[in-house]
Amino acid sequence: MDKPLRWVGQTRKTLKSMPDDVKDEVGHSLRIAQQGGRADNTSPMKRNLRTVSEIRVEENSGTYRAIYTTQFEDVIYVLDVFKKKSRKGIATPKSDLNRIEQRLKAARIDYEEHGPPDIQGRIILMTNPKKLRER
């Protein structure tokens, strides 16, 4: 059975605003993750984000990233989707890493409070960052 997706913050809306080729490639990669696999354009992140995977899409219009976690047994949280601002280097900017960390915390809280998913495509709103820091 496929794992359902939960979208954190504006990730779903942001993905819908991207070029069609990007949406198709991200969607295909997420579908593979839902089935328990990992697409060729996907790799794990490092350090304290080891439970997070990054989908990379290169297009003429720029470089795009979709970030998700499969750390929960029965659901995938899509944490962030963005267009990379710089074409130089492969490192993800610190501000993006901080946002991903905050959203991962929000996903953990959501999972603790709501447990396994009951519907596909549930969107969770970001918790107040102050509350996240307190946990």
Protein backbone atom coordinates (compact mmCIF):
# COMPACT_ATOMS: atom_id res chain seq x y z
CA MET A 1 0.00 0.00 0.00
CA ASP A 2 1.26 3.48 -0.87
CA LYS A 3 2.12 5.87 1.92
CA PRO A 4 -0.03 9.00 1.80
CA LEU A 5 1.51 12.47 1.63
CA ARG A 6 1.13 15.24 4.16
CA TRP A 7 2.12 18.70 2.94
CA VAL A 8 3.70 21.12 5.41
CA GLY A 9 2.95 24.83 5.12
CA GLN A 10 2.72 26.12 1.55
CA THR A 11 4.62 23.25 -0.10
CA ARG A 12 1.73 21.99 -2.19
CA LYS A 13 0.78 25.47 -3.36
CA THR A 14 4.43 26.25 -4.18
CA LEU A 15 4.82 23.05 -6.20
CA LYS A 16 1.66 23.83 -8.19
CA SER A 17 3.18 27.19 -9.20
CA MET A 18 6.32 25.61 -10.69
CA PRO A 19 6.88 24.68 -14.36
CA ASP A 20 5.04 21.57 -15.57
CA ASP A 21 8.25 19.56 -16.10
CA VAL A 22 9.29 20.26 -12.51
CA LYS A 23 5.87 19.26 -11.16
CA ASP A 24 5.97 16.05 -13.20
CA GLU A 25 9.46 15.06 -12.05
CA VAL A 26 8.81 15.88 -8.39
CA GLY A 27 5.49 14.05 -8.55
CA HIS A 28 7.11 10.99 -10.08
CA SER A 29 9.86 10.97 -7.43
CA LEU A 30 7.32 11.33 -4.61
CA ARG A 31 5.30 8.47 -6.11
CA ILE A 32 8.36 6.22 -5.98
CA ALA A 33 8.88 7.23 -2.33
CA GLN A 34 5.24 6.42 -1.57
CA GLN A 35 5.90 2.92 -2.89
CA GLY A 36 8.96 2.51 -0.66
CA GLY A 37 11.68 3.33 -3.21
CA ARG A 38 14.03 6.19 -3.95
CA ALA A 39 14.19 7.92 -7.35
CA ASP A 40 17.54 8.49 -9.08
CA ASN A 41 17.24 12.27 -8.59
CA THR A 42 16.84 11.87 -4.82
CA SER A 43 19.45 11.68 -2.09
CA PRO A 44 19.50 11.86 1.70
CA MET A 45 20.51 15.11 3.35
CA LYS A 46 23.33 15.28 5.88
CA ARG A 47 23.99 15.94 9.56
CA ASN A 48 20.88 16.52 11.67
CA LEU A 49 18.67 16.13 8.56
CA ARG A 50 19.66 12.52 7.84
CA THR A 51 16.00 11.44 7.97
CA VAL A 52 15.20 13.90 5.17
CA SER A 53 15.56 13.34 1.42
CA GLU A 54 16.08 15.92 -1.29
CA ILE A 55 14.68 15.67 -4.81
CA ARG A 56 16.78 17.65 -7.32
CA VAL A 57 15.35 18.84 -10.61
CA GLU A 58 17.47 20.72 -13.16
CA GLU A 59 15.55 22.74 -15.75
CA ASN A 60 16.45 25.52 -18.18
CA SER A 61 14.66 27.95 -15.89
CA GLY A 62 16.72 26.92 -12.84
CA THR A 63 17.35 24.30 -10.20
CA TYR A 64 14.47 23.12 -8.05
CA ARG A 65 14.35 21.17 -4.79
CA ALA A 66 11.64 19.21 -3.01
CA ILE A 67 12.36 18.04 0.52
CA TYR A 68 10.52 15.21 2.25
CA THR A 69 10.87 12.74 5.10
CA THR A 70 9.93 9.08 5.30
CA GLN A 71 10.97 8.73 8.94
CA PHE A 72 7.38 7.95 9.91
CA GLU A 73 6.32 4.41 9.18
CA ASP A 74 3.03 5.14 7.45
CA VAL A 75 3.19 8.65 5.97
CA ILE A 76 5.50 10.92 3.97
CA TYR A 77 5.75 14.58 4.93
CA VAL A 78 6.66 16.98 2.13
CA LEU A 79 8.58 19.62 4.08
CA ASP A 80 9.64 22.18 1.47
CA VAL A 81 9.68 22.94 -2.23
CA PHE A 82 11.75 25.78 -3.67
CA LYS A 83 13.74 27.10 -6.59
CA LYS A 84 17.42 27.30 -5.75
CA LYS A 85 18.53 30.90 -5.98
CA SER A 86 22.17 30.29 -6.87
CA ARG A 87 23.42 28.01 -9.62
CA LYS A 88 26.88 28.01 -8.02
CA GLY A 89 27.66 25.12 -5.71
CA ILE A 90 25.41 22.36 -4.51
CA ALA A 91 25.09 23.33 -0.86
CA THR A 92 21.64 24.21 0.42
CA PRO A 93 21.68 27.71 1.97
CA LYS A 94 21.56 27.93 5.78
CA SER A 95 18.22 29.78 5.71
CA ASP A 96 16.65 26.92 3.75
CA LEU A 97 18.16 24.35 6.14
CA ASN A 98 16.72 26.23 9.13
CA ARG A 99 13.26 26.31 7.51
CA ILE A 100 13.48 22.57 6.76
CA GLU A 101 14.46 21.84 10.39
CA GLN A 102 11.48 23.85 11.66
CA ARG A 103 9.12 22.04 9.31
CA LEU A 104 10.52 18.66 10.33
CA LYS A 105 9.75 19.59 13.95
CA ALA A 106 6.23 20.57 12.88
CA ALA A 107 5.85 17.20 11.14
CA ARG A 108 6.94 15.35 14.29
CA ILE A 109 4.44 17.31 16.37
CA ASP A 110 1.68 16.68 13.83
CA TYR A 111 2.42 12.96 13.78
CA GLU A 112 2.47 12.76 17.60
CA GLU A 113 -0.84 14.62 17.83
CA HIS A 114 -2.70 13.03 14.89
CA GLY A 115 -0.99 9.67 14.41
CA PRO A 116 -1.30 7.67 11.20
CA PRO A 117 -3.00 9.42 8.31
CA ASP A 118 -6.64 8.89 7.57
CA ILE A 119 -6.78 10.85 4.32
CA GLN A 120 -4.48 11.49 1.36
CA GLY A 121 -3.08 14.96 0.84
CA ARG A 122 -3.64 16.38 4.33
CA ILE A 123 -2.03 19.79 4.73
CA ILE A 124 -0.57 20.79 8.09
CA LEU A 125 -0.12 24.40 8.96
CA MET A 126 3.09 25.57 10.51
CA THR A 127 3.05 25.78 14.27
CA ASN A 128 4.27 28.99 15.85
CA PRO A 129 8.12 28.75 15.69
CA LYS A 130 8.37 29.81 19.37
CA LYS A 131 6.33 26.75 20.36
CA LEU A 132 8.60 24.54 18.26
CA ARG A 133 11.72 25.86 20.01
CA GLU A 134 10.16 25.08 23.39
CA ARG A 135 9.71 21.38 22.57
